[in-house]
Amino acid sequence: ATPSRFGADTTAPDELLGAADRLLEPLGFMRIAQISVVAAYE
């Protein structure tokens, strides 16, 4: 919906993972593993 949301490099794994963490942690999820841009939460 907003492709410029994460800056110029929209596929940078660290930025994508950080953005997902900020949305999911308040819901009670903790990131437990990741491979590049694939992340696992519990």
PDB file of all heavy atoms in Angstrom:
ATOM      1  N   ALA A   1       0.822  -1.212   0.000  1.00  0.00           N
ATOM      2  CA  ALA A   1       0.000   0.000   0.000  1.00  0.00           C
ATOM      3  C   ALA A   1       0.859   1.267   0.000  1.00  0.00           C
ATOM      4  O   ALA A   1       0.526   2.257  -0.646  1.00  0.00           O
ATOM      5  CB  ALA A   1      -0.930   0.004   1.207  1.00  0.00           C
ATOM      6  N   THR A   2       1.971   1.242   0.735  1.00  0.00           N
ATOM      7  CA  THR A   2       2.852   2.409   0.816  1.00  0.00           C
ATOM      8  C   THR A   2       4.287   1.952   0.583  1.00  0.00           C
ATOM      9  O   THR A   2       5.047   1.744   1.524  1.00  0.00           O
ATOM     10  CB  THR A   2       2.738   3.089   2.197  1.00  0.00           C
ATOM     11  OG1 THR A   2       2.981   2.110   3.220  1.00  0.00           O
ATOM     12  CG2 THR A   2       1.364   3.674   2.391  1.00  0.00           C
ATOM     13  N   PRO A   3       4.688   1.774  -0.668  1.00  0.00           N
ATOM     14  CA  PRO A   3       5.995   1.197  -0.966  1.00  0.00           C
ATOM     15  C   PRO A   3       7.184   1.992  -0.470  1.00  0.00           C
ATOM     16  O   PRO A   3       8.268   1.466  -0.356  1.00  0.00           O
ATOM     17  CB  PRO A   3       5.992   1.107  -2.502  1.00  0.00           C
ATOM     18  CG  PRO A   3       4.937   2.041  -2.956  1.00  0.00           C
ATOM     19  CD  PRO A   3       3.903   2.058  -1.879  1.00  0.00           C
ATOM     20  N   SER A   4       7.004   3.281  -0.150  1.00  0.00           N
ATOM     21  CA  SER A   4       8.122   4.078   0.346  1.00  0.00           C
ATOM     22  C   SER A   4       8.229   4.036   1.866  1.00  0.00           C
ATOM     23  O   SER A   4       9.055   4.730   2.448  1.00  0.00           O
ATOM     24  CB  SER A   4       7.955   5.529  -0.102  1.00  0.00           C
ATOM     25  OG  SER A   4       6.761   6.078   0.441  1.00  0.00           O
ATOM     26  N   ARG A   5       7.430   3.213   2.497  1.00  0.00           N
ATOM     27  CA  ARG A   5       7.348   3.202   3.954  1.00  0.00           C
ATOM     28  C   ARG A   5       8.693   2.935   4.628  1.00  0.00           C
ATOM     29  O   ARG A   5       9.006   3.478   5.681  1.00  0.00           O
ATOM     30  CB  ARG A   5       6.338   2.127   4.375  1.00  0.00           C
ATOM     31  CG  ARG A   5       6.236   1.875   5.860  1.00  0.00           C
ATOM     32  CD  ARG A   5       5.128   0.880   6.131  1.00  0.00           C
ATOM     33  NE  ARG A   5       5.025   0.556   7.536  1.00  0.00           N
ATOM     34  CZ  ARG A   5       4.042  -0.166   8.043  1.00  0.00           C
ATOM     35  NH1 ARG A   5       3.097  -0.623   7.260  1.00  0.00           N
ATOM     36  NH2 ARG A   5       4.000  -0.433   9.322  1.00  0.00           N
ATOM     37  N   PHE A   6       9.508   2.069   4.022  1.00  0.00           N
ATOM     38  CA  PHE A   6      10.749   1.670   4.660  1.00  0.00           C
ATOM     39  C   PHE A   6      11.967   2.359   4.060  1.00  0.00           C
ATOM     40  O   PHE A   6      13.085   1.918   4.236  1.00  0.00           O
ATOM     41  CB  PHE A   6      10.916   0.145   4.571  1.00  0.00           C
ATOM     42  CG  PHE A   6       9.761  -0.592   5.170  1.00  0.00           C
ATOM     43  CD1 PHE A   6       8.927  -1.343   4.370  1.00  0.00           C
ATOM     44  CD2 PHE A   6       9.486  -0.501   6.521  1.00  0.00           C
ATOM     45  CE1 PHE A   6       7.849  -2.017   4.919  1.00  0.00           C
ATOM     46  CE2 PHE A   6       8.404  -1.160   7.068  1.00  0.00           C
ATOM     47  CZ  PHE A   6       7.581  -1.919   6.267  1.00  0.00           C
ATOM     48  N   GLY A   7      11.756   3.450   3.355  1.00  0.00           N
ATOM     49  CA  GLY A   7      12.869   4.181   2.787  1.00  0.00           C
ATOM     50  C   GLY A   7      13.214   3.702   1.394  1.00  0.00           C
ATOM     51  O   GLY A   7      12.465   2.984   0.741  1.00  0.00           O
ATOM     52  N   ALA A   8      14.410   4.074   0.934  1.00  0.00           N
ATOM     53  CA  ALA A   8      14.795   3.779  -0.449  1.00  0.00           C
ATOM     54  C   ALA A   8      14.942   2.284  -0.685  1.00  0.00           C
ATOM     55  O   ALA A   8      14.499   1.751  -1.698  1.00  0.00           O
ATOM     56  CB  ALA A   8      16.100   4.499  -0.783  1.00  0.00           C
ATOM     57  N   ASP A   9      15.598   1.592   0.247  1.00  0.00           N
ATOM     58  CA  ASP A   9      15.800   0.153   0.086  1.00  0.00           C
ATOM     59  C   ASP A   9      14.669  -0.574   0.795  1.00  0.00           C
ATOM     60  O   ASP A   9      14.745  -0.895   1.978  1.00  0.00           O
ATOM     61  CB  ASP A   9      17.150  -0.272   0.668  1.00  0.00           C
ATOM     62  CG  ASP A   9      17.436  -1.750   0.433  1.00  0.00           C
ATOM     63  OD1 ASP A   9      16.618  -2.420  -0.244  1.00  0.00           O
ATOM     64  OD2 ASP A   9      18.471  -2.224   0.920  1.00  0.00           O
ATOM     65  N   THR A  10      13.583  -0.847   0.071  1.00  0.00           N
ATOM     66  CA  THR A  10      12.387  -1.409   0.702  1.00  0.00           C
ATOM     67  C   THR A  10      12.502  -2.898   0.969  1.00  0.00           C
ATOM     68  O   THR A  10      11.607  -3.478   1.540  1.00  0.00           O
ATOM     69  CB  THR A  10      11.158  -1.159  -0.191  1.00  0.00           C
ATOM     70  OG1 THR A  10      11.389  -1.759  -1.475  1.00  0.00           O
ATOM     71  CG2 THR A  10      10.917   0.314  -0.352  1.00  0.00           C
ATOM     72  N   THR A  11      13.594  -3.514   0.542  1.00  0.00           N
ATOM     73  CA  THR A  11      13.734  -4.949   0.775  1.00  0.00           C
ATOM     74  C   THR A  11      14.829  -5.269   1.780  1.00  0.00           C
ATOM     75  O   THR A  11      15.211  -6.414   1.930  1.00  0.00           O
ATOM     76  CB  THR A  11      14.044  -5.681  -0.549  1.00  0.00           C
ATOM     77  OG1 THR A  11      15.254  -5.168  -1.103  1.00  0.00           O
ATOM     78  CG2 THR A  11      12.914  -5.501  -1.542  1.00  0.00           C
ATOM     79  N   ALA A  12      15.365  -4.265   2.467  1.00  0.00           N
ATOM     80  CA  ALA A  12      16.408  -4.507   3.450  1.00  0.00           C
ATOM     81  C   ALA A  12      15.855  -5.377   4.574  1.00  0.00           C
ATOM     82  O   ALA A  12      14.908  -4.983   5.255  1.00  0.00           O
ATOM     83  CB  ALA A  12      16.916  -3.182   4.011  1.00  0.00           C
ATOM     84  N   PRO A  13      16.430  -6.562   4.792  1.00  0.00           N
ATOM     85  CA  PRO A  13      15.873  -7.470   5.808  1.00  0.00           C
ATOM     86  C   PRO A  13      15.761  -6.858   7.193  1.00  0.00           C
ATOM     87  O   PRO A  13      14.738  -7.027   7.869  1.00  0.00           O
ATOM     88  CB  PRO A  13      16.866  -8.645   5.789  1.00  0.00           C
ATOM     89  CG  PRO A  13      17.443  -8.626   4.415  1.00  0.00           C
ATOM     90  CD  PRO A  13      17.531  -7.182   4.038  1.00  0.00           C
ATOM     91  N   ASP A  14      16.794  -6.134   7.641  1.00  0.00           N
ATOM     92  CA  ASP A  14      16.765  -5.580   8.994  1.00  0.00           C
ATOM     93  C   ASP A  14      15.610  -4.604   9.177  1.00  0.00           C
ATOM     94  O   ASP A  14      14.958  -4.587  10.235  1.00  0.00           O
ATOM     95  CB  ASP A  14      18.088  -4.885   9.310  1.00  0.00           C
ATOM     96  CG  ASP A  14      19.233  -5.878   9.487  1.00  0.00           C
ATOM     97  OD1 ASP A  14      18.940  -7.081   9.659  1.00  0.00           O
ATOM     98  OD2 ASP A  14      20.402  -5.455   9.431  1.00  0.00           O
ATOM     99  N   GLU A  15      15.350  -3.780   8.169  1.00  0.00           N
ATOM    100  CA  GLU A  15      14.258  -2.813   8.289  1.00  0.00           C
ATOM    101  C   GLU A  15      12.902  -3.504   8.271  1.00  0.00           C
ATOM    102  O   GLU A  15      11.989  -3.138   9.013  1.00  0.00           O
ATOM    103  CB  GLU A  15      14.351  -1.784   7.170  1.00  0.00           C
ATOM    104  CG  GLU A  15      15.598  -0.918   7.251  1.00  0.00           C
ATOM    105  CD  GLU A  15      15.433   0.380   6.486  1.00  0.00           C
ATOM    106  OE1 GLU A  15      14.284   0.811   6.295  1.00  0.00           O
ATOM    107  OE2 GLU A  15      16.451   0.962   6.111  1.00  0.00           O
ATOM    108  N   LEU A  16      12.745  -4.505   7.423  1.00  0.00           N
ATOM    109  CA  LEU A  16      11.482  -5.243   7.378  1.00  0.00           C
ATOM    110  C   LEU A  16      11.247  -5.994   8.681  1.00  0.00           C
ATOM    111  O   LEU A  16      10.129  -5.985   9.218  1.00  0.00           O
ATOM    112  CB  LEU A  16      11.488  -6.216   6.197  1.00  0.00           C
ATOM    113  CG  LEU A  16      11.474  -5.593   4.801  1.00  0.00           C
ATOM    114  CD1 LEU A  16      11.652  -6.668   3.736  1.00  0.00           C
ATOM    115  CD2 LEU A  16      10.186  -4.826   4.556  1.00  0.00           C
ATOM    116  N   LEU A  17      12.277  -6.649   9.187  1.00  0.00           N
ATOM    117  CA  LEU A  17      12.142  -7.390  10.442  1.00  0.00           C
ATOM    118  C   LEU A  17      11.833  -6.442  11.599  1.00  0.00           C
ATOM    119  O   LEU A  17      10.978  -6.739  12.442  1.00  0.00           O
ATOM    120  CB  LEU A  17      13.426  -8.169  10.727  1.00  0.00           C
ATOM    121  CG  LEU A  17      13.724  -9.348   9.799  1.00  0.00           C
ATOM    122  CD1 LEU A  17      15.156  -9.822   9.977  1.00  0.00           C
ATOM    123  CD2 LEU A  17      12.747 -10.488  10.044  1.00  0.00           C
ATOM    124  N   GLY A  18      12.505  -5.301  11.638  1.00  0.00           N
ATOM    125  CA  GLY A  18      12.247  -4.333  12.701  1.00  0.00           C
ATOM    126  C   GLY A  18      10.826  -3.807  12.656  1.00  0.00           C
ATOM    127  O   GLY A  18      10.174  -3.656  13.698  1.00  0.00           O
ATOM    128  N   ALA A  19      10.327  -3.523  11.448  1.00  0.00           N
ATOM    129  CA  ALA A  19       8.956  -3.034  11.312  1.00  0.00           C
ATOM    130  C   ALA A  19       7.950  -4.088  11.770  1.00  0.00           C
ATOM    131  O   ALA A  19       6.970  -3.769  12.445  1.00  0.00           O
ATOM    132  CB  ALA A  19       8.689  -2.637   9.863  1.00  0.00           C
ATOM    133  N   ALA A  20       8.191  -5.341  11.404  1.00  0.00           N
ATOM    134  CA  ALA A  20       7.286  -6.414  11.823  1.00  0.00           C
ATOM    135  C   ALA A  20       7.332  -6.595  13.335  1.00  0.00           C
ATOM    136  O   ALA A  20       6.293  -6.786  13.980  1.00  0.00           O
ATOM    137  CB  ALA A  20       7.655  -7.713  11.110  1.00  0.00           C
ATOM    138  N   ASP A  21       8.516  -6.521  13.918  1.00  0.00           N
ATOM    139  CA  ASP A  21       8.647  -6.652  15.375  1.00  0.00           C
ATOM    140  C   ASP A  21       7.830  -5.583  16.093  1.00  0.00           C
ATOM    141  O   ASP A  21       7.143  -5.865  17.091  1.00  0.00           O
ATOM    142  CB  ASP A  21      10.113  -6.537  15.798  1.00  0.00           C
ATOM    143  CG  ASP A  21      10.947  -7.743  15.371  1.00  0.00           C
ATOM    144  OD1 ASP A  21      10.354  -8.751  14.949  1.00  0.00           O
ATOM    145  OD2 ASP A  21      12.187  -7.653  15.473  1.00  0.00           O
ATOM    146  N   ARG A  22       7.901  -4.347  15.589  1.00  0.00           N
ATOM    147  CA  ARG A  22       7.192  -3.251  16.257  1.00  0.00           C
ATOM    148  C   ARG A  22       5.680  -3.427  16.189  1.00  0.00           C
ATOM    149  O   ARG A  22       4.954  -2.984  17.087  1.00  0.00           O
ATOM    150  CB  ARG A  22       7.599  -1.914  15.626  1.00  0.00           C
ATOM    151  CG  ARG A  22       9.025  -1.493  15.953  1.00  0.00           C
ATOM    152  CD  ARG A  22       9.311  -0.069  15.524  1.00  0.00           C
ATOM    153  NE  ARG A  22       9.312   0.092  14.083  1.00  0.00           N
ATOM    154  CZ  ARG A  22      10.381  -0.115  13.310  1.00  0.00           C
ATOM    155  NH1 ARG A  22      11.518  -0.507  13.845  1.00  0.00           N
ATOM    156  NH2 ARG A  22      10.309   0.064  12.003  1.00  0.00           N
ATOM    157  N   LEU A  23       5.181  -4.095  15.153  1.00  0.00           N
ATOM    158  CA  LEU A  23       3.747  -4.331  15.042  1.00  0.00           C
ATOM    159  C   LEU A  23       3.297  -5.549  15.841  1.00  0.00           C
ATOM    160  O   LEU A  23       2.194  -5.564  16.388  1.00  0.00           O
ATOM    161  CB  LEU A  23       3.371  -4.524  13.567  1.00  0.00           C
ATOM    162  CG  LEU A  23       3.400  -3.280  12.677  1.00  0.00           C
ATOM    163  CD1 LEU A  23       3.186  -3.677  11.217  1.00  0.00           C
ATOM    164  CD2 LEU A  23       2.340  -2.274  13.117  1.00  0.00           C
ATOM    165  N   LEU A  24       4.140  -6.568  15.911  1.00  0.00           N
ATOM    166  CA  LEU A  24       3.715  -7.835  16.505  1.00  0.00           C
ATOM    167  C   LEU A  24       4.037  -7.960  18.000  1.00  0.00           C
ATOM    168  O   LEU A  24       3.331  -8.671  18.721  1.00  0.00           O
ATOM    169  CB  LEU A  24       4.358  -8.996  15.749  1.00  0.00           C
ATOM    170  CG  LEU A  24       3.878  -9.160  14.294  1.00  0.00           C
ATOM    171  CD1 LEU A  24       4.668 -10.249  13.589  1.00  0.00           C
ATOM    172  CD2 LEU A  24       2.385  -9.479  14.249  1.00  0.00           C
ATOM    173  N   GLU A  25       5.064  -7.290  18.467  1.00  0.00           N
ATOM    174  CA  GLU A  25       5.409  -7.392  19.882  1.00  0.00           C
ATOM    175  C   GLU A  25       4.285  -6.902  20.799  1.00  0.00           C
ATOM    176  O   GLU A  25       4.002  -7.534  21.831  1.00  0.00           O
ATOM    177  CB  GLU A  25       6.711  -6.649  20.171  1.00  0.00           C
ATOM    178  CG  GLU A  25       7.941  -7.415  19.690  1.00  0.00           C
ATOM    179  CD  GLU A  25       9.223  -6.632  19.900  1.00  0.00           C
ATOM    180  OE1 GLU A  25       9.155  -5.488  20.424  1.00  0.00           O
ATOM    181  OE2 GLU A  25      10.297  -7.154  19.529  1.00  0.00           O
ATOM    182  N   PRO A  26       3.590  -5.797  20.474  1.00  0.00           N
ATOM    183  CA  PRO A  26       2.464  -5.392  21.335  1.00  0.00           C
ATOM    184  C   PRO A  26       1.322  -6.410  21.355  1.00  0.00           C
ATOM    185  O   PRO A  26       0.486  -6.378  22.263  1.00  0.00           O
ATOM    186  CB  PRO A  26       1.996  -4.065  20.692  1.00  0.00           C
ATOM    187  CG  PRO A  26       3.189  -3.552  19.974  1.00  0.00           C
ATOM    188  CD  PRO A  26       3.883  -4.770  19.456  1.00  0.00           C
ATOM    189  N   LEU A  27       1.273  -7.295  20.367  1.00  0.00           N
ATOM    190  CA  LEU A  27       0.247  -8.332  20.334  1.00  0.00           C
ATOM    191  C   LEU A  27       0.670  -9.580  21.102  1.00  0.00           C
ATOM    192  O   LEU A  27      -0.083 -10.548  21.172  1.00  0.00           O
ATOM    193  CB  LEU A  27      -0.068  -8.717  18.879  1.00  0.00           C
ATOM    194  CG  LEU A  27      -0.446  -7.569  17.942  1.00  0.00           C
ATOM    195  CD1 LEU A  27      -0.785  -8.118  16.559  1.00  0.00           C
ATOM    196  CD2 LEU A  27      -1.611  -6.772  18.501  1.00  0.00           C
ATOM    197  N   GLY A  28       1.886  -9.552  21.666  1.00  0.00           N
ATOM    198  CA  GLY A  28       2.359 -10.675  22.461  1.00  0.00           C
ATOM    199  C   GLY A  28       3.250 -11.645  21.725  1.00  0.00           C
ATOM    200  O   GLY A  28       3.533 -12.733  22.234  1.00  0.00           O
ATOM    201  N   PHE A  29       3.747 -11.266  20.528  1.00  0.00           N
ATOM    202  CA  PHE A  29       4.582 -12.171  19.748  1.00  0.00           C
ATOM    203  C   PHE A  29       6.055 -11.798  19.890  1.00  0.00           C
ATOM    204  O   PHE A  29       6.409 -10.627  19.890  1.00  0.00           O
ATOM    205  CB  PHE A  29       4.198 -12.127  18.268  1.00  0.00           C
ATOM    206  CG  PHE A  29       2.883 -12.782  17.966  1.00  0.00           C
ATOM    207  CD1 PHE A  29       1.721 -12.026  17.922  1.00  0.00           C
ATOM    208  CD2 PHE A  29       2.798 -14.144  17.751  1.00  0.00           C
ATOM    209  CE1 PHE A  29       0.502 -12.618  17.649  1.00  0.00           C
ATOM    210  CE2 PHE A  29       1.587 -14.753  17.478  1.00  0.00           C
ATOM    211  CZ  PHE A  29       0.432 -13.986  17.426  1.00  0.00           C
ATOM    212  N   MET A  30       6.878 -12.833  19.979  1.00  0.00           N
ATOM    213  CA  MET A  30       8.318 -12.656  20.027  1.00  0.00           C
ATOM    214  C   MET A  30       8.945 -13.340  18.820  1.00  0.00           C
ATOM    215  O   MET A  30       8.607 -14.483  18.502  1.00  0.00           O
ATOM    216  CB  MET A  30       8.895 -13.249  21.315  1.00  0.00           C
ATOM    217  CG  MET A  30      10.415 -13.157  21.419  1.00  0.00           C
ATOM    218  SD  MET A  30      11.038 -13.911  22.949  1.00  0.00           S
ATOM    219  CE  MET A  30      10.246 -12.849  24.175  1.00  0.00           C
ATOM    220  N   ARG A  31       9.839 -12.631  18.147  1.00  0.00           N
ATOM    221  CA  ARG A  31      10.534 -13.251  17.024  1.00  0.00           C
ATOM    222  C   ARG A  31      11.534 -14.258  17.568  1.00  0.00           C
ATOM    223  O   ARG A  31      12.402 -13.933  18.369  1.00  0.00           O
ATOM    224  CB  ARG A  31      11.233 -12.195  16.171  1.00  0.00           C
ATOM    225  CG  ARG A  31      12.081 -12.803  15.056  1.00  0.00           C
ATOM    226  CD  ARG A  31      12.339 -11.848  13.907  1.00  0.00           C
ATOM    227  NE  ARG A  31      12.702 -10.507  14.276  1.00  0.00           N
ATOM    228  CZ  ARG A  31      13.951 -10.011  14.235  1.00  0.00           C
ATOM    229  NH1 ARG A  31      14.954 -10.788  13.874  1.00  0.00           N
ATOM    230  NH2 ARG A  31      14.164  -8.756  14.543  1.00  0.00           N
ATOM    231  N   ILE A  32      11.437 -15.499  17.091  1.00  0.00           N
ATOM    232  CA  ILE A  32      12.302 -16.562  17.612  1.00  0.00           C
ATOM    233  C   ILE A  32      13.299 -17.070  16.580  1.00  0.00           C
ATOM    234  O   ILE A  32      14.243 -17.780  16.934  1.00  0.00           O
ATOM    235  CB  ILE A  32      11.458 -17.738  18.149  1.00  0.00           C
ATOM    236  CG1 ILE A  32      10.549 -18.302  17.055  1.00  0.00           C
ATOM    237  CG2 ILE A  32      10.648 -17.307  19.365  1.00  0.00           C
ATOM    238  CD1 ILE A  32       9.777 -19.540  17.494  1.00  0.00           C
ATOM    239  N   ALA A  33      13.109 -16.721  15.319  1.00  0.00           N
ATOM    240  CA  ALA A  33      14.042 -17.153  14.280  1.00  0.00           C
ATOM    241  C   ALA A  33      13.784 -16.346  13.019  1.00  0.00           C
ATOM    242  O   ALA A  33      12.687 -15.801  12.835  1.00  0.00           O
ATOM    243  CB  ALA A  33      13.889 -18.653  13.998  1.00  0.00           C
ATOM    244  N   GLN A  34      14.799 -16.281  12.158  1.00  0.00           N
ATOM    245  CA  GLN A  34      14.608 -15.633  10.872  1.00  0.00           C
ATOM    246  C   GLN A  34      15.675 -16.137   9.904  1.00  0.00           C
ATOM    247  O   GLN A  34      16.769 -16.511  10.306  1.00  0.00           O
ATOM    248  CB  GLN A  34      14.656 -14.108  10.966  1.00  0.00           C
ATOM    249  CG  GLN A  34      16.010 -13.508  11.224  1.00  0.00           C
ATOM    250  CD  GLN A  34      16.408 -13.516  12.677  1.00  0.00           C
ATOM    251  OE1 GLN A  34      15.558 -13.409  13.560  1.00  0.00           O
ATOM    252  NE2 GLN A  34      17.700 -13.655  12.929  1.00  0.00           N
ATOM    253  N   ILE A  35      15.311 -16.171   8.646  1.00  0.00           N
ATOM    254  CA  ILE A  35      16.246 -16.434   7.555  1.00  0.00           C
ATOM    255  C   ILE A  35      15.978 -15.359   6.514  1.00  0.00           C
ATOM    256  O   ILE A  35      14.926 -15.366   5.877  1.00  0.00           O
ATOM    257  CB  ILE A  35      16.055 -17.834   6.942  1.00  0.00           C
ATOM    258  CG1 ILE A  35      16.242 -18.925   8.010  1.00  0.00           C
ATOM    259  CG2 ILE A  35      17.028 -18.049   5.787  1.00  0.00           C
ATOM    260  CD1 ILE A  35      15.958 -20.322   7.492  1.00  0.00           C
ATOM    261  N   SER A  36      16.896 -14.418   6.400  1.00  0.00           N
ATOM    262  CA  SER A  36      16.706 -13.285   5.505  1.00  0.00           C
ATOM    263  C   SER A  36      15.400 -12.569   5.876  1.00  0.00           C
ATOM    264  O   SER A  36      15.246 -12.125   7.007  1.00  0.00           O
ATOM    265  CB  SER A  36      16.717 -13.735   4.046  1.00  0.00           C
ATOM    266  OG  SER A  36      16.631 -12.626   3.170  1.00  0.00           O
ATOM    267  N   VAL A  37      14.434 -12.467   4.958  1.00  0.00           N
ATOM    268  CA  VAL A  37      13.192 -11.757   5.244  1.00  0.00           C
ATOM    269  C   VAL A  37      12.065 -12.690   5.657  1.00  0.00           C
ATOM    270  O   VAL A  37      10.908 -12.282   5.723  1.00  0.00           O
ATOM    271  CB  VAL A  37      12.751 -10.914   4.027  1.00  0.00           C
ATOM    272  CG1 VAL A  37      13.729  -9.797   3.761  1.00  0.00           C
ATOM    273  CG2 VAL A  37      12.582 -11.777   2.787  1.00  0.00           C
ATOM    274  N   VAL A  38      12.378 -13.924   5.955  1.00  0.00           N
ATOM    275  CA  VAL A  38      11.380 -14.870   6.471  1.00  0.00           C
ATOM    276  C   VAL A  38      11.561 -14.938   7.980  1.00  0.00           C
ATOM    277  O   VAL A  38      12.657 -15.259   8.466  1.00  0.00           O
ATOM    278  CB  VAL A  38      11.530 -16.269   5.848  1.00  0.00           C
ATOM    279  CG1 VAL A  38      10.452 -17.200   6.385  1.00  0.00           C
ATOM    280  CG2 VAL A  38      11.466 -16.187   4.332  1.00  0.00           C
ATOM    281  N   ALA A  39      10.510 -14.623   8.721  1.00  0.00           N
ATOM    282  CA  ALA A  39      10.610 -14.549  10.173  1.00  0.00           C
ATOM    283  C   ALA A  39       9.595 -15.468  10.836  1.00  0.00           C
ATOM    284  O   ALA A  39       8.483 -15.666  10.337  1.00  0.00           O
ATOM    285  CB  ALA A  39      10.381 -13.110  10.642  1.00  0.00           C
ATOM    286  N   ALA A  40       9.990 -16.028  11.973  1.00  0.00           N
ATOM    287  CA  ALA A  40       9.110 -16.888  12.762  1.00  0.00           C
ATOM    288  C   ALA A  40       8.830 -16.206  14.095  1.00  0.00           C
ATOM    289  O   ALA A  40       9.741 -15.690  14.754  1.00  0.00           O
ATOM    290  CB  ALA A  40       9.763 -18.252  12.998  1.00  0.00           C
ATOM    291  N   TYR A  41       7.550 -16.195  14.475  1.00  0.00           N
ATOM    292  CA  TYR A  41       7.111 -15.576  15.713  1.00  0.00           C
ATOM    293  C   TYR A  41       6.300 -16.566  16.535  1.00  0.00           C
ATOM    294  O   TYR A  41       5.588 -17.408  15.988  1.00  0.00           O
ATOM    295  CB  TYR A  41       6.230 -14.349  15.435  1.00  0.00           C
ATOM    296  CG  TYR A  41       6.979 -13.180  14.813  1.00  0.00           C
ATOM    297  CD1 TYR A  41       7.145 -13.105  13.440  1.00  0.00           C
ATOM    298  CD2 TYR A  41       7.508 -12.167  15.614  1.00  0.00           C
ATOM    299  CE1 TYR A  41       7.832 -12.044  12.868  1.00  0.00           C
ATOM    300  CE2 TYR A  41       8.184 -11.103  15.033  1.00  0.00           C
ATOM    301  CZ  TYR A  41       8.351 -11.046  13.675  1.00  0.00           C
ATOM    302  OH  TYR A  41       9.021  -9.990  13.107  1.00  0.00           O
ATOM    303  N   GLU A  42       6.442 -16.452  17.840  1.00  0.00           N
ATOM    304  CA  GLU A  42       5.640 -17.275  18.746  1.00  0.00           C
ATOM    305  C   GLU A  42       5.053 -16.380  19.813  1.00  0.00           C
ATOM    306  O   GLU A  42       5.690 -15.434  20.260  1.00  0.00           O
ATOM    307  CB  GLU A  42       6.502 -18.378  19.379  1.00  0.00           C
ATOM    308  CG  GLU A  42       5.716 -19.396  20.163  1.00  0.00           C
ATOM    309  CD  GLU A  42       6.525 -20.642  20.469  1.00  0.00           C
ATOM    310  OE1 GLU A  42       7.752 -20.527  20.590  1.00  0.00           O
ATOM    311  OE2 GLU A  42       5.922 -21.735  20.588  1.00  0.00           O
TER     312      GLU A  42
END
